[in-house]
Amino acid sequence: MKQKNDEQKAFKYLKAFAKQFPGSNIELRIPEVGAIQLGSGSKHKRGIPPNVVEINKDIFIQLIEKETSWDKQMQLGNIEASGINSNIKNLFEKFNFKPKS
């Protein structure tokens, strides 16, 4: 049951993240949850995006809830990031989740 709840929570956070940081310069992938494009800059339309970040749902939730840091998870190898603009540490720091009442 916890896994299903975590998937729903991660999906909710992912949707809010896309809304707060619109664009198509970076693809953020959360396996088993979804993928979004975000960030201003060059537009990506087809094929493999030039900037890709992949994080498992548990680490993604911890980053959103400020229970861990981007730098720590990069050092541990828990974030795969490729491309010149794939460091989205500042987006996690700026993210402000506002649940619907």
Foldseek 3Di string as FASTA:
>chain_A
DVVVVLLVVLLLVVVLLCVVFPAAQEWEAAPPRGIDGGHDDDHDDDDDHQKYKYAYSVVSVCLLVVVDAPVVCVVVVRMDIGHPPHPCRVSSVPDDDDDDD
